[in-house]
Amino acid sequence: MAAIITSCAEKADGLEHVTLHKGPTRDLTLGLFMLADRLAEAEDSAGRLVRRAVADHPDLHGFRVVTAEAVLVPGPWWES
């Protein structure tokens, strides 16, 4: 799944890395690490990317995107 999402990413999406977490049922949680100037931009870009992958990639037919939410991860640039 992570490889599929990565293969659907375009440079403008700002995707850095994808992780996958399986839930107690058949639910999956994707963690997308995005480069963006604003939190809302990262959230929007991640949502568009995953919706595009689900719509376009045959191995993801039957999946659906329930939510797309982002958290801000501090980095070393915060000290400058």
Protein backbone atom coordinates (compact mmCIF):
# COMPACT_ATOMS: atom_id res chain seq x y z
CA MET A 1 0.00 0.00 0.00
CA ALA A 2 2.76 2.48 0.88
CA ALA A 3 4.50 1.74 -2.43
CA ILE A 4 1.25 2.28 -4.33
CA ILE A 5 0.62 5.65 -2.65
CA THR A 6 4.22 6.68 -3.32
CA SER A 7 3.95 5.66 -6.98
CA CYS A 8 0.86 7.88 -7.38
CA ALA A 9 2.55 10.94 -5.88
CA GLU A 10 3.54 13.91 -8.01
CA LYS A 11 6.35 16.28 -7.09
CA ALA A 12 3.82 19.03 -6.27
CA ASP A 13 2.22 16.76 -3.62
CA GLY A 14 5.26 17.18 -1.36
CA LEU A 15 5.25 13.54 -0.24
CA GLU A 16 8.34 12.49 1.71
CA HIS A 17 7.38 9.15 3.24
CA VAL A 18 4.40 6.82 3.79
CA THR A 19 3.72 4.47 6.70
CA LEU A 20 0.87 2.01 7.09
CA HIS A 21 -0.84 0.94 10.31
CA LYS A 22 -3.38 -1.87 10.39
CA GLY A 23 -6.32 -1.46 12.76
CA PRO A 24 -8.11 -4.14 14.77
CA THR A 25 -10.53 -4.71 11.90
CA ARG A 26 -9.79 -4.30 8.21
CA ASP A 27 -9.25 -0.56 8.70
CA LEU A 28 -5.95 0.97 7.68
CA THR A 29 -4.35 4.20 8.77
CA LEU A 30 -1.84 5.82 6.45
CA GLY A 31 0.78 8.17 7.79
CA LEU A 32 1.97 10.55 5.08
CA PHE A 33 4.93 12.77 5.79
CA MET A 34 4.49 15.87 3.65
CA LEU A 35 6.54 18.97 2.94
CA ALA A 36 4.33 22.05 2.97
CA ASP A 37 4.42 25.66 4.09
CA ARG A 38 1.19 25.36 6.08
CA LEU A 39 -0.53 22.60 7.99
CA ALA A 40 -3.75 22.99 5.98
CA GLU A 41 -1.77 22.70 2.74
CA ALA A 42 -0.21 19.41 3.91
CA GLU A 43 -3.61 18.08 4.93
CA ASP A 44 -5.19 19.02 1.59
CA SER A 45 -2.31 17.60 -0.42
CA ALA A 46 -2.32 14.30 1.49
CA GLY A 47 -6.07 13.94 1.05
CA ARG A 48 -5.88 14.64 -2.69
CA LEU A 49 -3.01 12.18 -3.14
CA VAL A 50 -4.73 9.31 -1.33
CA ARG A 51 -8.09 9.95 -3.04
CA ARG A 52 -6.30 10.01 -6.41
CA ALA A 53 -4.51 6.74 -5.63
CA VAL A 54 -7.74 5.03 -4.52
CA ALA A 55 -9.56 6.25 -7.63
CA ASP A 56 -6.81 5.46 -10.14
CA HIS A 57 -4.94 2.37 -8.92
CA PRO A 58 -6.72 -0.95 -9.58
CA ASP A 59 -5.28 -2.60 -6.46
CA LEU A 60 -7.05 0.00 -4.30
CA HIS A 61 -10.53 -0.38 -5.76
CA GLY A 62 -12.92 -1.05 -2.90
CA PHE A 63 -10.98 1.16 -0.47
CA ARG A 64 -12.28 4.57 0.55
CA VAL A 65 -10.83 7.59 2.27
CA VAL A 66 -12.69 8.34 5.49
CA THR A 67 -10.72 11.33 6.77
CA ALA A 68 -7.55 13.26 6.02
CA GLU A 69 -6.03 15.01 9.00
CA ALA A 70 -2.57 16.42 9.66
CA VAL A 71 -0.38 17.16 12.63
CA LEU A 72 2.52 19.56 12.72
CA VAL A 73 5.85 17.89 13.42
CA PRO A 74 8.55 20.24 14.69
CA GLY A 75 11.89 20.19 12.97
CA PRO A 76 15.34 21.66 13.49
CA TRP A 77 14.36 24.80 11.56
CA TRP A 78 12.15 25.88 14.49
CA GLU A 79 15.25 26.91 16.43
CA SER A 80 16.30 29.54 13.88
